[in-house]
N, C-alpha and C. Protein backbone atom coordinates (compact mmCIF):
# COMPACT_ATOMS: atom_id res chain seq x y z
N MET A 1 133.80 45.56 97.59
CA MET A 1 132.57 45.97 96.29
C MET A 1 133.15 45.59 95.12
N ASN A 2 132.58 45.01 94.57
CA ASN A 2 132.49 44.94 92.62
C ASN A 2 131.94 45.36 91.83
N ILE A 3 132.42 46.28 90.92
CA ILE A 3 131.26 46.53 89.66
C ILE A 3 132.09 46.30 88.67
N THR A 4 131.08 45.73 87.88
CA THR A 4 131.01 44.96 86.75
C THR A 4 130.59 45.58 85.14
N VAL A 5 130.99 45.52 84.35
CA VAL A 5 129.97 46.28 83.20
C VAL A 5 130.02 45.10 81.97
N THR A 6 129.21 45.23 81.47
CA THR A 6 128.80 44.40 80.18
C THR A 6 128.27 45.30 79.03
N GLU A 7 129.05 45.23 78.11
CA GLU A 7 128.25 46.28 76.79
C GLU A 7 127.77 45.79 76.02
N ASN A 8 126.97 46.11 75.01
CA ASN A 8 126.22 45.06 73.95
C ASN A 8 125.25 44.47 74.56
N VAL A 9 124.29 45.15 75.23
CA VAL A 9 123.21 44.50 75.66
C VAL A 9 122.03 44.76 75.42
N SER A 10 121.04 43.67 74.98
CA SER A 10 119.80 44.30 74.24
C SER A 10 118.54 44.14 75.32
N ALA A 11 117.73 44.66 75.64
CA ALA A 11 116.60 45.01 76.41
C ALA A 11 115.41 44.39 75.68
N VAL A 12 114.41 43.13 75.79
CA VAL A 12 113.13 43.13 75.57
C VAL A 12 112.53 43.27 76.51
N THR A 13 111.06 44.25 76.01
CA THR A 13 110.33 44.51 77.08
C THR A 13 108.80 44.45 76.23
N PHE A 14 107.88 43.46 77.36
CA PHE A 14 106.48 42.91 76.73
C PHE A 14 106.19 44.25 77.82
N ASN A 15 104.85 45.27 76.98
CA ASN A 15 104.10 45.53 77.50
C ASN A 15 102.57 45.40 77.74
N ASN A 16 101.67 45.86 78.82
CA ASN A 16 100.32 45.74 78.36
C ASN A 16 99.96 44.12 78.12
N VAL A 17 100.62 43.30 78.86
CA VAL A 17 100.13 41.80 78.63
C VAL A 17 98.96 41.42 79.62
N PRO A 18 98.45 40.35 79.01
CA PRO A 18 97.38 40.16 79.70
C PRO A 18 97.59 39.20 80.78
N LEU A 19 96.85 39.51 81.82
CA LEU A 19 97.60 38.46 82.78
C LEU A 19 97.39 37.12 82.96
N TYR A 20 96.29 36.60 82.35
CA TYR A 20 95.89 34.90 82.48
C TYR A 20 96.45 34.45 81.49
N LYS A 21 97.03 34.86 80.21
CA LYS A 21 97.62 34.10 79.30
C LYS A 21 99.03 33.58 79.71
N THR A 22 99.55 33.01 79.22
CA THR A 22 101.23 32.29 79.43
C THR A 22 101.86 32.96 78.11
N ILE A 23 102.13 33.81 78.28
CA ILE A 23 103.13 34.64 77.61
C ILE A 23 104.42 34.54 77.95
N VAL A 24 104.72 34.84 79.87
CA VAL A 24 106.06 34.70 80.26
C VAL A 24 106.46 33.32 79.66
N GLU A 25 105.46 32.44 80.22
CA GLU A 25 106.35 30.68 80.09
C GLU A 25 106.59 30.76 78.66
N ASP A 26 105.69 31.12 77.71
CA ASP A 26 105.92 30.68 76.32
C ASP A 26 106.71 31.29 75.57
N THR A 27 107.61 32.67 76.21
CA THR A 27 108.39 33.68 75.95
C THR A 27 110.04 32.72 76.28
N LEU A 28 109.87 32.44 77.36
CA LEU A 28 110.71 31.92 78.07
C LEU A 28 111.01 30.89 77.48
N THR A 29 110.28 29.47 77.50
CA THR A 29 110.51 28.37 76.55
C THR A 29 111.10 28.66 75.52
N ALA A 30 110.51 29.55 74.75
CA ALA A 30 111.08 30.15 72.96
C ALA A 30 112.34 30.34 72.96
N VAL A 31 112.48 31.15 74.02
CA VAL A 31 114.09 31.94 74.02
C VAL A 31 114.81 30.92 74.20
N ALA A 32 114.60 29.73 75.30
CA ALA A 32 115.82 28.64 75.62
C ALA A 32 115.77 27.73 74.65
N GLU A 33 114.81 27.72 74.01
CA GLU A 33 114.61 26.54 72.80
C GLU A 33 115.83 27.19 71.61
N ALA A 34 115.65 28.65 71.76
CA ALA A 34 116.61 28.94 70.14
C ALA A 34 117.98 29.14 70.82
N GLY A 35 118.28 28.56 72.10
CA GLY A 35 119.61 28.71 72.47
C GLY A 35 120.03 30.11 72.71
N ILE A 36 119.44 31.29 73.32
CA ILE A 36 119.53 32.44 73.81
C ILE A 36 119.57 32.32 75.52
N ASN A 37 120.84 32.80 75.81
CA ASN A 37 120.82 33.12 77.17
C ASN A 37 120.73 34.42 77.71
N ILE A 38 119.67 34.54 78.55
CA ILE A 38 119.13 35.73 78.97
C ILE A 38 119.35 36.11 80.59
N ASP A 39 119.07 37.53 81.03
CA ASP A 39 119.36 37.80 82.33
C ASP A 39 118.27 39.09 82.43
N MET A 40 118.82 39.44 83.68
CA MET A 40 118.05 40.65 84.17
C MET A 40 116.40 40.41 83.94
N ILE A 41 115.68 39.16 84.35
CA ILE A 41 114.70 39.24 84.08
C ILE A 41 113.60 39.83 85.00
N SER A 42 112.80 40.74 84.70
CA SER A 42 112.06 41.81 85.73
C SER A 42 110.54 41.54 85.37
N MET A 43 109.79 42.06 86.34
CA MET A 43 108.02 41.82 85.71
C MET A 43 107.67 42.85 86.81
N THR A 44 106.44 43.83 86.42
CA THR A 44 105.78 44.95 86.74
C THR A 44 104.70 44.03 87.59
N ALA A 45 103.92 44.80 88.70
CA ALA A 45 103.09 44.10 89.37
C ALA A 45 101.88 44.55 88.57
N PRO A 46 100.89 43.61 88.37
CA PRO A 46 99.72 43.62 87.62
C PRO A 46 98.61 44.85 88.25
N THR A 47 98.36 45.33 87.40
CA THR A 47 97.18 46.60 87.13
C THR A 47 96.13 46.10 86.30
N SER A 48 95.05 46.06 86.86
CA SER A 48 93.55 46.14 85.75
C SER A 48 93.89 44.83 84.80
N GLU A 49 94.43 43.68 85.32
CA GLU A 49 94.43 42.03 84.86
C GLU A 49 95.35 42.60 83.59
N ARG A 50 96.76 43.51 83.91
CA ARG A 50 97.70 43.53 82.83
C ARG A 50 99.26 43.85 83.83
N PHE A 51 99.93 43.70 82.80
CA PHE A 51 101.46 43.52 83.55
C PHE A 51 102.59 43.64 82.11
N GLY A 52 103.80 43.70 83.01
CA GLY A 52 104.70 44.16 82.31
C GLY A 52 105.94 43.05 82.18
N PHE A 53 106.53 42.60 81.44
CA PHE A 53 107.71 41.96 81.76
C PHE A 53 108.85 42.30 80.62
N GLY A 54 110.13 41.92 80.92
CA GLY A 54 111.25 41.99 79.97
C GLY A 54 112.46 41.06 80.42
N PHE A 55 113.47 41.61 79.82
CA PHE A 55 114.79 40.93 80.19
C PHE A 55 115.84 40.85 79.03
N THR A 56 116.81 40.86 79.56
CA THR A 56 117.98 41.39 78.53
C THR A 56 119.05 40.13 78.46
N LEU A 57 119.26 40.32 76.95
CA LEU A 57 120.26 39.45 76.21
C LEU A 57 121.70 39.99 75.51
N ASP A 58 122.62 39.06 75.00
CA ASP A 58 123.70 39.68 74.40
C ASP A 58 122.79 40.35 73.15
N ASP A 59 124.08 41.35 72.48
CA ASP A 59 122.96 41.80 71.15
C ASP A 59 123.54 40.83 70.06
N ASP A 60 124.53 40.00 70.15
CA ASP A 60 124.90 38.84 69.03
C ASP A 60 123.58 37.69 68.57
N ASP A 61 122.81 37.67 69.71
CA ASP A 61 121.82 37.12 69.88
C ASP A 61 120.73 37.64 69.40
N MET A 62 120.46 38.55 68.80
CA MET A 62 119.35 39.31 68.06
C MET A 62 118.81 38.76 67.01
N PRO A 63 119.63 37.96 66.29
CA PRO A 63 119.00 37.46 64.93
C PRO A 63 118.05 36.19 65.05
N LYS A 64 118.59 35.41 66.62
CA LYS A 64 117.85 34.25 67.05
C LYS A 64 116.29 34.88 67.49
N LEU A 65 116.76 35.67 68.28
CA LEU A 65 115.78 36.37 69.11
C LEU A 65 114.54 36.88 67.82
N LEU A 66 114.89 37.22 66.78
CA LEU A 66 113.65 37.58 66.08
C LEU A 66 112.83 36.65 65.67
N SER A 67 113.24 35.18 65.33
CA SER A 67 112.73 34.24 64.86
C SER A 67 111.44 33.96 66.20
N VAL A 68 112.06 33.95 67.14
CA VAL A 68 111.26 33.87 68.38
C VAL A 68 110.08 35.08 68.63
N VAL A 69 110.63 36.16 68.39
CA VAL A 69 109.73 37.31 68.28
C VAL A 69 108.20 36.80 67.49
N LYS A 70 108.67 36.64 66.11
CA LYS A 70 107.80 36.05 65.21
C LYS A 70 107.02 34.78 65.88
N THR A 71 107.24 34.17 66.70
CA THR A 71 106.35 32.92 67.01
C THR A 71 105.58 33.56 68.13
N LEU A 72 105.83 34.12 68.61
CA LEU A 72 104.73 34.91 69.92
C LEU A 72 104.25 35.53 69.15
N LYS A 73 104.55 36.69 68.35
CA LYS A 73 103.53 37.19 67.34
C LYS A 73 102.46 36.48 67.11
N ASP A 74 102.82 35.46 66.11
CA ASP A 74 101.94 34.08 65.76
C ASP A 74 101.00 33.83 66.55
N LYS A 75 101.42 33.55 67.94
CA LYS A 75 100.49 32.73 68.88
C LYS A 75 99.95 33.82 69.73
N HIS A 76 100.49 34.78 70.35
CA HIS A 76 99.96 35.64 70.92
C HIS A 76 99.56 37.36 70.74
N ASP A 77 99.71 36.99 69.71
CA ASP A 77 99.59 38.49 68.64
C ASP A 77 99.78 39.94 70.07
N ILE A 78 101.21 39.61 70.08
CA ILE A 78 101.87 40.54 71.35
C ILE A 78 103.49 40.83 70.75
N THR A 79 103.82 41.81 70.35
CA THR A 79 105.15 42.33 69.65
C THR A 79 106.20 43.17 71.01
N PRO A 80 107.07 42.64 71.18
CA PRO A 80 108.05 43.74 72.30
C PRO A 80 108.61 44.91 71.58
N MET A 81 108.82 45.55 72.39
CA MET A 81 110.17 46.47 72.30
C MET A 81 111.43 46.34 72.43
N ILE A 82 111.97 46.03 71.37
CA ILE A 82 113.63 45.50 71.61
C ILE A 82 114.30 47.16 71.43
N ASN A 83 115.71 47.36 72.28
CA ASN A 83 116.67 48.31 72.49
C ASN A 83 117.69 47.58 72.54
N SER A 84 118.53 47.89 71.52
CA SER A 84 120.05 47.40 71.59
C SER A 84 120.91 48.20 71.97
N GLY A 85 122.38 47.47 72.01
CA GLY A 85 123.81 48.54 72.22
C GLY A 85 123.46 49.30 73.72
N ASN A 86 123.25 48.66 74.12
CA ASN A 86 123.24 48.81 75.84
C ASN A 86 124.49 48.58 76.63
N ARG A 87 124.29 49.21 78.07
CA ARG A 87 124.93 48.79 78.93
C ARG A 87 124.91 48.49 80.12
N LYS A 88 124.99 47.22 80.82
CA LYS A 88 124.74 46.72 81.85
C LYS A 88 125.85 46.92 82.90
N ILE A 89 125.24 47.49 84.13
CA ILE A 89 126.61 47.67 85.26
C ILE A 89 125.77 47.12 86.75
N VAL A 90 126.53 46.34 87.27
CA VAL A 90 126.00 45.30 88.21
C VAL A 90 127.34 45.86 89.29
N ILE A 91 126.29 46.17 90.58
CA ILE A 91 127.11 46.58 91.75
C ILE A 91 126.71 45.45 92.83
N LYS A 92 128.07 44.94 93.26
CA LYS A 92 127.91 43.88 94.00
C LYS A 92 128.69 43.78 95.43
N THR A 93 128.11 43.87 96.57
CA THR A 93 128.56 44.18 97.79
C THR A 93 127.63 43.88 99.04
N GLY A 94 128.31 43.16 99.81
CA GLY A 94 127.91 42.96 101.34
C GLY A 94 127.27 43.82 101.83
N GLU A 95 127.75 45.16 101.39
CA GLU A 95 127.23 46.51 102.38
C GLU A 95 125.88 46.42 102.31
N MET A 96 125.23 45.83 100.99
CA MET A 96 123.84 46.19 100.81
C MET A 96 122.78 45.48 101.96
N GLU A 97 123.11 44.43 102.32
CA GLU A 97 122.73 43.80 103.77
C GLU A 97 122.56 44.54 105.03
N ALA A 98 123.11 45.32 105.10
CA ALA A 98 123.18 45.79 106.74
C ALA A 98 123.51 47.63 106.12
N GLN A 99 123.27 48.22 105.24
CA GLN A 99 123.39 49.69 104.86
C GLN A 99 122.32 50.12 104.21
N ALA A 100 121.42 50.74 104.86
CA ALA A 100 120.39 51.69 104.59
C ALA A 100 120.62 52.49 103.62
N GLY A 101 119.53 52.72 102.53
CA GLY A 101 120.32 54.00 101.91
C GLY A 101 121.10 53.74 100.37
N PHE A 102 121.79 52.16 101.12
CA PHE A 102 122.57 52.14 99.61
C PHE A 102 121.73 52.09 98.00
N ALA A 103 120.62 51.66 98.02
CA ALA A 103 120.78 52.01 96.41
C ALA A 103 119.98 53.22 96.33
N ALA A 104 119.52 54.29 97.08
CA ALA A 104 119.15 55.59 96.79
C ALA A 104 120.37 56.35 96.46
N LYS A 105 122.07 55.57 97.08
CA LYS A 105 122.87 56.50 96.62
C LYS A 105 123.29 56.44 95.08
N VAL A 106 122.89 54.87 94.96
CA VAL A 106 123.06 54.84 93.25
C VAL A 106 122.34 55.38 92.49
N PHE A 107 120.77 55.51 92.80
CA PHE A 107 120.12 56.06 91.93
C PHE A 107 120.16 57.48 91.60
N ASN A 108 120.44 58.04 93.12
CA ASN A 108 120.66 59.52 92.92
C ASN A 108 122.21 59.77 91.95
N LEU A 109 122.80 59.12 92.04
CA LEU A 109 123.82 59.34 91.35
C LEU A 109 123.52 59.47 89.45
N LEU A 110 122.67 58.09 89.43
CA LEU A 110 122.33 57.95 87.88
C LEU A 110 121.49 58.94 87.59
N ASN A 111 120.64 59.45 88.62
CA ASN A 111 119.97 60.92 88.18
C ASN A 111 120.38 61.98 88.11
N LYS A 112 121.77 62.32 88.87
CA LYS A 112 122.46 63.35 88.85
C LYS A 112 123.42 63.65 87.13
N ILE A 113 123.72 62.21 86.77
CA ILE A 113 124.40 62.63 85.56
C ILE A 113 123.07 62.26 84.12
N ASP A 114 122.12 61.77 84.78
CA ASP A 114 120.63 62.33 83.72
C ASP A 114 121.23 60.70 82.90
N ALA A 115 121.40 59.76 83.73
CA ALA A 115 121.35 58.21 82.96
C ALA A 115 119.97 57.76 82.43
N MET A 116 119.94 57.28 81.18
CA MET A 116 118.52 57.04 81.09
C MET A 116 118.62 55.53 81.66
N ILE A 117 117.35 55.15 82.63
CA ILE A 117 117.52 53.46 82.71
C ILE A 117 116.32 52.52 82.38
N LEU A 118 116.90 51.64 81.73
CA LEU A 118 115.81 51.02 81.14
C LEU A 118 115.52 49.85 81.74
N LEU A 119 116.16 49.06 82.62
CA LEU A 119 115.82 48.06 83.27
C LEU A 119 116.78 47.93 84.98
N ILE A 120 115.93 47.22 85.86
CA ILE A 120 116.95 47.05 86.99
C ILE A 120 116.30 46.03 87.51
N THR A 121 117.02 45.60 88.18
CA THR A 121 117.16 44.43 88.87
C THR A 121 117.73 44.21 90.13
N THR A 122 117.41 43.75 91.41
CA THR A 122 118.33 43.36 92.60
C THR A 122 118.20 42.31 93.18
N GLY A 123 119.48 41.84 94.00
CA GLY A 123 119.15 40.92 94.48
C GLY A 123 119.51 41.37 96.28
N VAL A 124 119.92 40.29 97.24
CA VAL A 124 120.49 40.82 98.41
C VAL A 124 121.83 41.51 98.36
N ASP A 125 122.32 41.24 97.57
CA ASP A 125 123.28 41.82 97.78
C ASP A 125 124.32 42.44 96.22
N GLU A 126 123.18 42.62 95.32
CA GLU A 126 123.38 43.03 94.07
C GLU A 126 122.51 44.24 93.87
N ILE A 127 122.98 45.41 92.79
CA ILE A 127 122.22 46.00 91.99
C ILE A 127 122.43 45.86 90.47
N SER A 128 121.76 45.35 89.67
CA SER A 128 121.95 45.69 88.35
C SER A 128 121.01 46.42 87.12
N VAL A 129 121.67 47.43 86.82
CA VAL A 129 120.78 48.53 86.24
C VAL A 129 121.23 48.51 84.38
N LEU A 130 120.38 48.69 83.78
CA LEU A 130 120.93 48.54 82.51
C LEU A 130 120.37 50.05 81.73
N ILE A 131 121.15 50.69 81.33
CA ILE A 131 121.38 51.84 80.80
C ILE A 131 122.03 52.12 79.37
N ARG A 132 121.27 53.17 78.74
CA ARG A 132 121.91 53.20 77.17
C ARG A 132 123.42 53.69 77.42
N GLU A 133 123.79 53.04 76.36
CA GLU A 133 125.62 52.89 76.02
C GLU A 133 125.61 54.54 75.82
N SER A 134 125.50 55.59 75.72
CA SER A 134 125.77 56.86 75.58
C SER A 134 125.85 57.56 77.06
N ASP A 135 125.34 56.77 77.94
CA ASP A 135 125.32 57.05 79.60
C ASP A 135 126.28 56.46 80.20
N GLY A 136 126.79 54.92 79.71
CA GLY A 136 127.73 54.18 80.48
C GLY A 136 129.36 54.45 80.74
N GLU A 137 129.87 55.52 79.83
CA GLU A 137 130.83 55.98 81.06
C GLU A 137 131.24 56.52 82.00
N ALA A 138 129.59 57.71 81.65
CA ALA A 138 129.89 58.51 83.08
C ALA A 138 129.03 57.89 83.79
N ALA A 139 128.48 56.61 83.94
CA ALA A 139 127.81 56.02 85.17
C ALA A 139 128.69 55.48 85.84
N GLU A 140 129.70 54.41 84.76
CA GLU A 140 130.40 53.36 85.34
C GLU A 140 131.72 54.64 86.23
N ALA A 141 132.18 55.49 85.70
CA ALA A 141 133.10 56.29 86.43
C ALA A 141 132.28 56.98 87.48
N GLY A 142 131.17 57.56 87.70
CA GLY A 142 130.97 58.25 89.04
C GLY A 142 130.34 57.16 89.96
N LEU A 143 130.06 55.86 89.53
CA LEU A 143 129.84 54.83 90.63
C LEU A 143 131.21 54.26 91.31
N ARG A 144 131.93 54.18 90.55
CA ARG A 144 133.22 53.78 90.96
C ARG A 144 134.15 54.91 91.95
N GLU A 145 133.61 56.28 91.38
CA GLU A 145 134.20 57.40 92.34
C GLU A 145 133.82 57.07 93.63
N LEU A 146 132.21 57.00 93.59
CA LEU A 146 131.22 56.77 94.77
C LEU A 146 131.64 56.02 95.53
N PHE A 147 131.77 54.80 95.15
CA PHE A 147 131.99 53.64 96.16
C PHE A 147 133.52 53.32 96.17
N LYS A 148 134.49 54.38 95.57
CA LYS A 148 135.76 53.66 96.13
C LYS A 148 136.36 54.07 97.97
């Protein structure tokens, strides 16, 4: 099992986005053209022709992101919520593929310490969770203890 932690991560979230627009494509293209490397891309299931999506980036790229946000505001009249200074924890293990309830253990622990979860992404063998920096030490210590 491998647990990695990244500090100084910003979350960018677009809510109530019209399903028929090219906002995701336009956003990802503009971010790439600005030289910003993003991570943890997430999208909600559409409801009533609306959806939400978001991604994370390094806090140091915030000045570049602000120019992208202005471009998107001008083109689509939509502004994201931006939350900086967070911590990303990635739990990676082959155990997830064969063990029912692995994710439940992770989220039960995060709930027990009252960690505020800002974004979740998963893969076959990993869970990535973005939480407030103030919850980071307790979450990291708790997860390391849980899975030692």
